[in-house]
Amino acid sequence: MNETHLNRDRQTVKLGLIKVIQELFPDDMLKTAYSIQEGVFCRLKNSILSTREVGQIGKRLNELVASNSPMNYMGKKGGYFQYRVDNRIVNVLYEAHNFSSMVAPFKIIPFSTGFIVDFGDAERGEKTPLIPPEKLASTYDKNQNWLRNIDMELISDVNKYIMSGRSFELLCIAEALHEKEISDIADMILQQRRALRVLLISGPSSAGKTTFSKRLATQLRVNGLRPVVLSLNDYFVNRDKTPLDYQGNYDFEDVEALDLKLLHDHILRLIKGEEIHAPIFDFVTGNRSEKTKKVYVGPDEILLMEGIHAVNPSILPDINRNVFFRIIVNALFGLNIDLINRVPETEVRLLRRIVRDDRFRGIPAERTIKQWDSVRRGEYDNLFKYQEDCDVMFNSSLLYEMNALRLPAEASLMQIGEDSPYYLTRERLLNLLTFFEPMNDALIPFNSILREFTGGSHYERQL
């Protein structure tokens, strides 16, 4: 799994883009917005790009690559790597190469108000086009509009709130947005209640799926619907039948790790109003327990299933898809450090997981980082390719979360020694955290999604 922000070949493309945008649009600035699988969506700060203008950007960027122009590394300052590109010093969060020709294969694709720098084209092949990320873009744009409404754009805007003693005000605004959006989703489900029988909630690791599911269940109860939970984890096959990954380890992220035949049968019977005896998986022994539990979905109830595979078509029996409502939960961190330096959502989720694993699961940061590549591969193989088929996306990120995570994350990361193979990852994450003013995590509400990672959640007994 090759993260775009950690790949020097791809960061060199970013340096080239900064130079090209400055030449073509001297009165505007490039803004890097968010990841799209193996690519990044970019736009201008103040204007919309036409298809013709995007074509010009691609043409000029390819000319720059062919010229093999120098991009001289000047050193590190204030948490940034500094490069001289022509006569301009450019500050970037991640390292690049020193010559413009040292780039990964890429394609510039017009999209929405800007363009996608797509690095996945070579891996997918020319005949497999990028799926336009309409749902992802809509979710991101909605968040950006909200940030503009409350006059927030950069991390420094959040830091000012905290340094001026207004942390609680900021926190209330962020949590109110979550509550409103969860309530809106519950209302959407109620409006479609006549056809719906099953809610499917999925998302990548540390997106906050579990707490989101609990809070959505509460809002559904307000609307007169009682969710009945069916855990996908209980449908794991016995350990001796679990598929292995490329390293020979058990691959629990593979959809074939589930007993799909039994799951299909049970979903069909529950939709028809029949009672089932659901399995109970024993994670200590790695086998299905002899005990089962009765599950029934009544007229005023709705089946709720949550997990990484919940939106994978393979888990759904061959019936009318209108009975399913699919929700993707992801942490699309909306604030940039500056216009050209975004905070990758994978870094946010990794830091969430590091804090949770260290505090509550006895897993040190080094081990969490070691597992991360496998986790990310599972997300690509089993989730992201299906996310545009969802009915709604929920952004679980919070304005203040990196500020609240800073101190516990630093404490976890500092346990990684200089002789560790993950020392450079430690330094990278610690550097990112320096851009965030620390905030007291005791202020976080007890039903917040962030409590799933910092601890003290009202839902802890159920998590």
Protein backbone atom coordinates (compact mmCIF):
# COMPACT_ATOMS: atom_id res chain seq x y z
CA MET A 1 0.00 0.00 0.00
CA ASN A 2 1.67 3.22 -1.16
CA GLU A 3 0.28 6.34 0.49
CA THR A 4 0.30 9.27 -1.94
CA HIS A 5 1.63 11.76 0.61
CA LEU A 6 4.57 9.48 1.50
CA ASN A 7 5.69 8.83 -2.08
CA ARG A 8 8.48 11.16 -3.19
CA ASP A 9 7.67 10.60 -6.87
CA ARG A 10 4.15 11.89 -6.23
CA GLN A 11 5.30 14.78 -4.04
CA THR A 12 7.54 15.88 -6.92
CA VAL A 13 4.40 16.14 -9.07
CA LYS A 14 2.96 18.41 -6.37
CA LEU A 15 5.99 20.72 -6.52
CA GLY A 16 5.62 20.85 -10.29
CA LEU A 17 1.93 21.71 -9.94
CA ILE A 18 2.73 24.62 -7.64
CA LYS A 19 5.14 26.01 -10.22
CA VAL A 20 2.73 25.50 -13.14
CA ILE A 21 -0.25 27.07 -11.33
CA GLN A 22 1.86 30.09 -10.40
CA GLU A 23 2.81 30.57 -14.06
CA LEU A 24 -0.67 30.05 -15.51
CA PHE A 25 -2.69 31.76 -12.77
CA PRO A 26 -0.39 34.33 -11.08
CA ASP A 27 -3.31 35.98 -9.27
CA ASP A 28 -4.59 32.76 -7.71
CA MET A 29 -3.24 29.86 -5.63
CA LEU A 30 -3.35 26.08 -5.73
CA LYS A 31 -5.31 24.33 -3.00
CA THR A 32 -4.85 20.60 -2.43
CA ALA A 33 -8.13 19.34 -1.06
CA TYR A 34 -8.58 15.63 -0.41
CA SER A 35 -7.51 12.12 -1.45
CA ILE A 36 -9.38 10.07 -4.04
CA GLN A 37 -8.03 6.53 -3.84
CA GLU A 38 -4.61 6.83 -5.58
CA GLY A 39 -5.08 10.50 -6.45
CA VAL A 40 -5.67 13.95 -5.02
CA PHE A 41 -8.35 16.52 -5.85
CA CYS A 42 -6.97 20.03 -6.38
CA ARG A 43 -8.51 23.36 -7.26
CA LEU A 44 -7.76 27.06 -7.24
CA LYS A 45 -8.52 29.08 -4.13
CA ASN A 46 -10.57 31.80 -5.80
CA SER A 47 -11.85 30.52 -9.13
CA ILE A 48 -13.35 27.58 -11.00
CA LEU A 49 -11.23 25.82 -13.61
CA SER A 50 -12.62 25.02 -17.06
CA THR A 51 -11.85 21.79 -18.89
CA ARG A 52 -9.64 23.74 -21.27
CA GLU A 53 -7.68 25.27 -18.37
CA VAL A 54 -7.21 21.84 -16.77
CA GLY A 55 -5.85 20.65 -20.12
CA GLN A 56 -3.36 23.53 -20.08
CA ILE A 57 -2.23 22.55 -16.58
CA GLY A 58 -1.67 18.95 -17.66
CA LYS A 59 0.23 20.01 -20.80
CA ARG A 60 2.49 22.44 -18.93
CA LEU A 61 3.14 19.92 -16.15
CA ASN A 62 4.20 17.24 -18.63
CA GLU A 63 6.54 19.76 -20.28
CA LEU A 64 8.09 20.50 -16.89
CA VAL A 65 8.62 16.78 -16.26
CA ALA A 66 10.31 16.40 -19.65
CA SER A 67 12.62 19.36 -18.96
CA ASN A 68 14.17 17.67 -15.89
CA SER A 69 14.34 21.04 -14.12
CA PRO A 70 16.05 21.26 -10.70
CA MET A 71 13.94 21.47 -7.54
CA ASN A 72 16.63 22.08 -4.98
CA TYR A 73 16.15 20.92 -1.40
CA MET A 74 17.03 23.80 0.91
CA GLY A 75 16.59 22.08 4.29
CA LYS A 76 13.88 21.76 6.92
CA LYS A 77 12.39 24.71 8.74
CA GLY A 78 9.33 25.13 10.95
CA GLY A 79 8.12 21.60 10.29
CA TYR A 80 8.36 22.03 6.49
CA PHE A 81 10.70 20.64 3.85
CA GLN A 82 11.84 23.63 1.78
CA TYR A 83 12.50 23.43 -1.96
CA ARG A 84 13.64 26.11 -4.38
CA VAL A 85 11.50 25.91 -7.53
CA ASP A 86 12.89 28.54 -9.94
CA ASN A 87 13.07 31.65 -7.76
CA ARG A 88 10.43 30.62 -5.28
CA ILE A 89 10.87 28.80 -1.96
CA VAL A 90 8.08 26.23 -1.51
CA ASN A 91 7.24 24.72 1.89
CA VAL A 92 5.84 21.17 1.81
CA LEU A 93 5.01 18.74 4.58
CA TYR A 94 6.47 15.66 2.87
CA GLU A 95 9.70 15.06 0.95
CA ALA A 96 10.08 15.23 -2.85
CA HIS A 97 12.90 14.63 -5.34
CA ASN A 98 15.35 17.25 -6.60
CA PHE A 99 14.50 17.02 -10.31
CA SER A 100 11.17 17.47 -12.07
CA SER A 101 11.54 14.28 -14.14
CA MET A 102 11.56 12.04 -11.05
CA VAL A 103 7.81 11.57 -10.90
CA ALA A 104 5.30 8.75 -10.66
CA PRO A 105 3.06 8.15 -13.72
CA PHE A 106 0.09 10.50 -13.44
CA LYS A 107 -2.89 11.85 -15.32
CA ILE A 108 -4.65 15.20 -14.84
CA ILE A 109 -8.44 14.67 -15.00
CA PRO A 110 -11.01 17.52 -14.98
CA PHE A 111 -13.44 17.09 -12.09
CA SER A 112 -15.95 19.36 -10.34
CA THR A 113 -14.45 22.86 -9.88
CA GLY A 114 -10.88 21.66 -10.35
CA PHE A 115 -9.02 18.50 -11.27
CA ILE A 116 -7.81 15.15 -9.99
CA VAL A 117 -4.13 14.25 -10.09
CA ASP A 118 -4.61 10.52 -10.64
CA PHE A 119 -1.69 8.24 -9.78
CA GLY A 120 -3.68 5.02 -10.01
CA ASP A 121 -4.12 4.97 -13.78
CA ALA A 122 -1.02 2.87 -14.37
CA GLU A 123 -2.15 0.26 -11.84
CA ARG A 124 -5.76 0.13 -13.05
CA GLY A 125 -4.81 0.12 -16.71
CA GLU A 126 -5.97 2.43 -19.47
CA LYS A 127 -9.23 0.53 -19.97
CA THR A 128 -10.30 0.93 -16.33
CA PRO A 129 -11.27 4.59 -15.83
CA LEU A 130 -11.37 6.35 -12.48
CA ILE A 131 -14.88 6.23 -11.02
CA PRO A 132 -15.95 9.89 -10.57
CA PRO A 133 -16.11 10.35 -6.78
CA GLU A 134 -19.37 12.30 -6.76
CA LYS A 135 -20.47 11.24 -3.25
CA LEU A 136 -17.02 11.88 -1.80
CA ALA A 137 -16.83 15.28 -3.47
CA SER A 138 -20.30 16.23 -2.26
CA THR A 139 -19.42 15.26 1.32
CA TYR A 140 -16.19 17.24 1.18
CA ASP A 141 -17.87 20.30 -0.40
CA LYS A 142 -20.59 20.24 2.25
CA ASN A 143 -17.94 20.31 4.95
CA GLN A 144 -16.02 23.11 3.20
CA ASN A 145 -19.19 25.23 2.93
CA TRP A 146 -19.80 24.75 6.63
CA LEU A 147 -16.22 25.74 7.45
CA ARG A 148 -16.64 28.91 5.42
CA ASN A 149 -19.87 29.68 7.26
CA ILE A 150 -18.05 29.61 10.60
CA ASP A 151 -14.99 31.41 9.14
CA MET A 152 -12.58 28.49 9.39
CA GLU A 153 -10.11 27.44 6.70
CA LEU A 154 -6.75 26.63 8.26
CA ILE A 155 -5.51 24.88 11.37
CA SER A 156 -4.29 28.24 12.65
CA ASP A 157 -7.94 29.35 12.89
CA VAL A 158 -8.63 26.52 15.34
CA ASN A 159 -5.43 27.22 17.25
CA LYS A 160 -6.55 30.82 17.79
CA TYR A 161 -9.76 29.61 19.47
CA ILE A 162 -7.80 27.39 21.83
CA MET A 163 -5.12 29.95 22.67
CA SER A 164 -7.81 32.56 23.43
CA GLY A 165 -9.56 30.24 25.89
CA ARG A 166 -12.53 29.50 23.62
CA SER A 167 -11.98 25.73 23.30
CA PHE A 168 -15.41 24.84 24.64
CA GLU A 169 -17.14 27.15 22.14
CA LEU A 170 -15.26 25.51 19.28
CA LEU A 171 -16.03 22.05 20.60
CA CYS A 172 -19.75 22.77 20.88
CA ILE A 173 -19.91 23.99 17.28
CA ALA A 174 -18.15 20.86 15.97
CA GLU A 175 -20.25 18.43 18.01
CA ALA A 176 -23.48 20.23 17.06
CA LEU A 177 -22.69 19.62 13.38
CA HIS A 178 -22.33 15.88 14.04
CA GLU A 179 -25.60 15.74 15.94
CA LYS A 180 -27.43 17.60 13.20
CA GLU A 181 -26.06 15.38 10.42
CA ILE A 182 -26.82 12.15 12.30
CA SER A 183 -30.35 13.42 12.93
CA ASP A 184 -30.72 14.27 9.22
CA ILE A 185 -29.65 10.74 8.25
CA ALA A 186 -32.18 9.27 10.67
CA ASP A 187 -34.87 11.44 9.03
CA MET A 188 -33.83 10.20 5.57
CA ILE A 189 -34.21 6.62 6.77
CA LEU A 190 -37.64 7.38 8.23
CA GLN A 191 -38.80 8.88 4.92
CA GLN A 192 -37.85 5.66 3.12
CA ARG A 193 -39.11 3.40 5.89
CA ARG A 194 -41.76 1.69 3.75
CA ALA A 195 -39.12 0.05 1.53
CA LEU A 196 -36.16 -0.23 3.90
CA ARG A 197 -35.42 -3.27 6.01
CA VAL A 198 -31.63 -3.20 6.49
CA LEU A 199 -29.10 -0.47 7.41
CA LEU A 200 -25.53 -1.17 6.32
CA ILE A 201 -22.81 0.94 7.98
CA SER A 202 -19.24 0.71 6.77
CA GLY A 203 -16.04 2.71 6.82
CA PRO A 204 -12.27 2.37 7.11
CA SER A 205 -10.35 1.65 10.30
CA SER A 206 -10.75 4.23 13.09
CA ALA A 207 -13.41 6.18 11.22
CA GLY A 208 -15.71 5.97 14.26
CA LYS A 209 -18.25 3.52 12.82
CA THR A 210 -19.18 2.01 16.20
CA THR A 211 -20.02 5.27 17.98
CA PHE A 212 -21.75 6.60 14.87
CA SER A 213 -23.93 3.46 14.82
CA LYS A 214 -24.87 3.95 18.49
CA ARG A 215 -25.75 7.61 17.99
CA LEU A 216 -27.73 6.86 14.83
CA ALA A 217 -29.61 4.16 16.73
CA THR A 218 -30.60 6.76 19.32
CA GLN A 219 -31.89 9.13 16.63
CA LEU A 220 -33.82 6.28 15.01
CA ARG A 221 -35.49 5.55 18.35
CA VAL A 222 -36.53 9.22 18.47
CA ASN A 223 -38.15 8.62 15.06
CA GLY A 224 -40.01 5.56 16.30
CA LEU A 225 -37.69 2.91 14.82
CA ARG A 226 -35.81 0.37 16.93
CA PRO A 227 -32.63 -0.98 15.35
CA VAL A 228 -31.84 -4.68 15.75
CA VAL A 229 -28.09 -5.24 15.51
CA LEU A 230 -26.58 -8.18 13.64
CA SER A 231 -22.79 -8.28 14.01
CA LEU A 232 -20.83 -9.23 10.91
CA ASN A 233 -17.98 -10.32 13.17
CA ASP A 234 -20.07 -13.24 14.40
CA TYR A 235 -20.12 -14.63 10.85
CA PHE A 236 -16.37 -15.22 10.67
CA VAL A 237 -15.44 -18.72 9.51
CA ASN A 238 -13.42 -20.86 11.92
CA ARG A 239 -9.75 -19.97 12.12
CA ASP A 240 -8.58 -22.99 10.10
CA LYS A 241 -10.72 -21.79 7.16
CA THR A 242 -9.66 -18.15 7.34
CA PRO A 243 -7.88 -16.96 4.15
CA LEU A 244 -4.23 -15.88 4.36
CA ASP A 245 -2.67 -12.66 3.08
CA TYR A 246 0.43 -12.40 0.90
CA GLN A 247 2.64 -12.75 3.99
CA GLY A 248 0.91 -15.91 5.16
CA ASN A 249 -0.97 -14.20 8.01
CA TYR A 250 -4.69 -14.59 8.70
CA ASP A 251 -6.52 -12.04 6.54
CA PHE A 252 -9.63 -10.99 8.46
CA GLU A 253 -10.10 -8.11 6.03
CA ASP A 254 -10.88 -10.55 3.18
CA VAL A 255 -14.62 -10.93 2.57
CA GLU A 256 -14.04 -14.70 2.28
CA ALA A 257 -13.24 -14.68 6.00
CA LEU A 258 -17.04 -14.50 6.44
CA ASP A 259 -19.49 -17.38 6.10
CA LEU A 260 -21.32 -15.71 3.21
CA LYS A 261 -23.75 -18.57 2.56
CA LEU A 262 -25.04 -18.51 6.15
CA LEU A 263 -25.09 -14.71 6.22
CA HIS A 264 -27.15 -14.51 3.00
CA ASP A 265 -29.64 -17.04 4.36
CA HIS A 266 -30.05 -15.16 7.65
CA ILE A 267 -30.48 -11.74 6.01
CA LEU A 268 -33.17 -13.12 3.69
CA ARG A 269 -35.05 -14.77 6.55
CA LEU A 270 -34.90 -11.64 8.74
CA ILE A 271 -36.22 -9.49 5.88
CA LYS A 272 -39.15 -11.92 5.54
CA GLY A 273 -39.92 -11.52 9.23
CA GLU A 274 -38.61 -14.91 10.31
CA GLU A 275 -36.60 -15.60 13.46
CA ILE A 276 -33.01 -16.83 13.14
CA HIS A 277 -30.43 -18.32 15.46
CA ALA A 278 -27.41 -16.10 14.79
CA PRO A 279 -23.92 -17.48 15.43
CA ILE A 280 -21.65 -16.20 18.20
CA PHE A 281 -17.97 -16.09 17.32
CA ASP A 282 -15.44 -16.79 20.08
CA PHE A 283 -12.41 -14.61 19.36
CA VAL A 284 -10.35 -16.34 22.06
CA THR A 285 -10.60 -19.79 20.47
CA GLY A 286 -10.96 -18.48 16.92
CA ASN A 287 -14.01 -20.64 16.35
CA ARG A 288 -17.77 -20.35 16.32
CA SER A 289 -19.38 -20.98 19.70
CA GLU A 290 -21.90 -23.75 20.20
CA LYS A 291 -24.25 -21.12 21.58
CA THR A 292 -26.43 -18.97 19.32
CA LYS A 293 -28.71 -15.99 19.85
CA LYS A 294 -32.24 -15.46 18.63
CA VAL A 295 -32.73 -12.49 16.30
CA TYR A 296 -36.03 -11.21 14.95
CA VAL A 297 -36.89 -7.92 13.19
CA GLY A 298 -40.42 -6.76 13.95
CA PRO A 299 -42.67 -4.31 12.08
CA ASP A 300 -41.34 -1.25 13.93
CA GLU A 301 -37.75 -2.43 13.84
CA ILE A 302 -34.92 -2.27 11.31
CA LEU A 303 -31.89 -4.51 10.92
CA LEU A 304 -28.54 -2.74 11.46
CA MET A 305 -25.24 -4.26 10.30
CA GLU A 306 -21.86 -2.55 10.77
CA GLY A 307 -18.37 -3.46 9.57
CA ILE A 308 -15.76 -2.93 6.85
CA HIS A 309 -17.63 -5.34 4.52
CA ALA A 310 -21.10 -3.90 5.12
CA VAL A 311 -21.30 -2.21 1.69
CA ASN A 312 -19.50 -4.97 -0.20
CA PRO A 313 -22.04 -6.45 -2.68
CA SER A 314 -20.73 -9.93 -1.85
CA ILE A 315 -22.37 -9.94 1.57
CA LEU A 316 -25.81 -9.11 0.17
CA PRO A 317 -28.19 -11.82 -0.97
CA ASP A 318 -29.54 -11.54 -4.52
CA ILE A 319 -32.66 -9.49 -3.80
CA ASN A 320 -34.01 -5.99 -4.43
CA ARG A 321 -31.34 -3.51 -3.34
CA ASN A 322 -34.05 -1.00 -2.33
CA VAL A 323 -34.44 -2.79 1.00
CA PHE A 324 -30.89 -1.72 1.94
CA PHE A 325 -29.70 1.73 3.06
CA ARG A 326 -25.90 2.02 2.87
CA ILE A 327 -23.87 4.49 4.93
CA ILE A 328 -20.13 5.17 4.67
CA VAL A 329 -18.40 6.73 7.69
CA ASN A 330 -15.01 8.35 7.10
CA ALA A 331 -12.82 10.99 8.75
CA LEU A 332 -12.41 13.60 5.99
CA PHE A 333 -10.35 16.17 7.87
CA GLY A 334 -11.32 19.47 6.25
CA LEU A 335 -8.73 21.95 7.48
CA ASN A 336 -5.40 22.49 5.73
CA ILE A 337 -2.14 23.51 7.40
CA ASP A 338 -1.93 26.02 4.56
CA LEU A 339 -3.46 26.05 1.10
CA ILE A 340 -1.02 23.63 -0.48
CA ASN A 341 -0.43 21.39 2.55
CA ARG A 342 -3.42 19.32 3.54
CA VAL A 343 -3.71 16.94 6.49
CA PRO A 344 -4.13 13.45 4.96
CA GLU A 345 -7.15 11.65 6.40
CA THR A 346 -5.06 8.49 6.71
CA GLU A 347 -2.75 10.28 9.15
CA VAL A 348 -5.75 11.38 11.22
CA ARG A 349 -7.12 7.84 11.39
CA LEU A 350 -3.70 6.36 12.17
CA LEU A 351 -3.28 8.76 15.10
CA ARG A 352 -6.78 7.91 16.35
CA ARG A 353 -5.89 4.22 16.24
CA ILE A 354 -2.49 4.70 17.91
CA VAL A 355 -4.09 6.48 20.87
CA ARG A 356 -6.92 3.94 21.23
CA ASP A 357 -4.66 0.89 20.86
CA ASP A 358 -2.12 2.17 23.36
CA ARG A 359 -4.63 3.34 25.96
CA PHE A 360 -7.20 0.55 25.88
CA ARG A 361 -5.95 -2.47 23.94
CA GLY A 362 -2.43 -2.85 25.25
CA ILE A 363 -1.02 -2.43 21.75
CA PRO A 364 2.02 -0.11 21.53
CA ALA A 365 2.30 2.47 18.76
CA GLU A 366 5.05 0.49 17.02
CA ARG A 367 2.79 -2.52 16.56
CA THR A 368 -0.13 -0.36 15.34
CA ILE A 369 2.09 1.25 12.72
CA LYS A 370 3.43 -2.16 11.68
CA GLN A 371 -0.14 -3.37 11.02
CA TRP A 372 -1.23 -0.21 9.23
CA ASP A 373 -0.08 -1.21 5.75
CA SER A 374 -2.15 -4.40 5.92
CA VAL A 375 -5.15 -2.47 7.25
CA ARG A 376 -4.93 0.04 4.41
CA ARG A 377 -4.65 -2.72 1.81
CA GLY A 378 -7.84 -4.26 3.18
CA GLU A 379 -9.63 -0.91 2.92
CA TYR A 380 -8.71 -0.55 -0.74
CA ASP A 381 -9.63 -4.13 -1.59
CA ASN A 382 -12.88 -4.34 0.37
CA LEU A 383 -14.28 -0.84 0.89
CA PHE A 384 -13.14 2.14 -1.15
CA LYS A 385 -14.04 0.66 -4.52
CA TYR A 386 -17.67 0.37 -3.34
CA GLN A 387 -18.02 3.67 -1.48
CA GLU A 388 -19.66 5.56 -4.36
CA ASP A 389 -22.54 3.04 -4.24
CA CYS A 390 -23.56 4.23 -0.78
CA ASP A 391 -26.73 6.22 -0.08
CA VAL A 392 -25.02 8.71 2.20
CA MET A 393 -21.55 9.54 3.53
CA PHE A 394 -20.95 10.80 7.05
CA ASN A 395 -17.80 12.77 7.85
CA SER A 396 -16.74 11.75 11.36
CA SER A 397 -13.87 14.24 11.58
CA LEU A 398 -14.03 17.01 14.15
CA LEU A 399 -12.52 20.49 13.96
CA TYR A 400 -10.64 20.11 17.21
CA GLU A 401 -9.70 16.44 17.16
CA MET A 402 -6.03 16.72 16.22
CA ASN A 403 -5.59 19.30 18.97
CA ALA A 404 -7.21 16.93 21.48
CA LEU A 405 -5.21 13.96 20.22
CA ARG A 406 -1.86 15.73 20.26
CA LEU A 407 -0.73 15.03 23.84
CA PRO A 408 -1.86 11.38 24.10
CA ALA A 409 -0.54 10.67 20.59
CA GLU A 410 2.83 12.21 21.42
CA ALA A 411 3.04 10.10 24.59
CA SER A 412 2.36 6.92 22.59
CA LEU A 413 4.76 7.78 19.77
CA MET A 414 7.62 8.67 22.13
CA GLN A 415 7.71 5.02 23.20
CA ILE A 416 9.19 4.18 19.78
CA GLY A 417 12.98 4.14 20.07
CA GLU A 418 15.55 5.53 17.64
CA ASP A 419 16.58 1.97 16.70
CA SER A 420 13.04 1.05 15.62
CA PRO A 421 12.27 0.46 11.91
CA TYR A 422 9.29 2.79 12.52
CA TYR A 423 11.35 5.67 13.91
CA LEU A 424 10.92 7.77 10.75
CA THR A 425 7.15 7.26 10.94
CA ARG A 426 7.29 8.41 14.55
CA GLU A 427 9.15 11.55 13.53
CA ARG A 428 6.75 12.24 10.65
CA LEU A 429 3.69 12.02 12.89
CA LEU A 430 5.28 14.01 15.70
CA ASN A 431 6.15 16.72 13.17
CA LEU A 432 2.55 16.86 11.95
CA LEU A 433 1.27 17.19 15.53
CA THR A 434 3.43 20.28 16.15
CA PHE A 435 1.09 22.30 13.93
CA PHE A 436 -1.78 21.78 16.42
CA GLU A 437 -2.14 23.70 19.67
CA PRO A 438 -2.79 21.13 22.45
CA MET A 439 -6.31 21.02 23.89
CA ASN A 440 -7.51 19.39 27.10
CA ASP A 441 -9.35 16.21 26.08
CA ALA A 442 -11.38 16.29 29.31
CA LEU A 443 -13.67 18.78 27.54
CA ILE A 444 -14.80 16.21 24.95
CA PRO A 445 -18.49 15.23 25.39
CA PHE A 446 -19.05 11.68 26.58
CA ASN A 447 -21.07 10.73 23.48
CA SER A 448 -18.53 12.20 21.03
CA ILE A 449 -17.11 9.99 18.29
CA LEU A 450 -13.67 11.06 19.49
CA ARG A 451 -14.33 9.36 22.85
CA GLU A 452 -14.12 6.05 20.99
CA PHE A 453 -10.37 6.74 20.80
CA THR A 454 -9.55 8.87 23.85
CA GLY A 455 -11.77 6.88 26.24
CA GLY A 456 -14.61 7.75 28.59
CA SER A 457 -17.42 7.17 26.09
CA HIS A 458 -20.96 6.63 27.36
CA TYR A 459 -21.04 3.71 24.95
CA GLU A 460 -17.88 2.04 26.30
CA ARG A 461 -19.72 -0.86 27.87
CA GLN A 462 -21.29 -1.58 24.51
CA LEU A 463 -18.22 -0.94 22.28
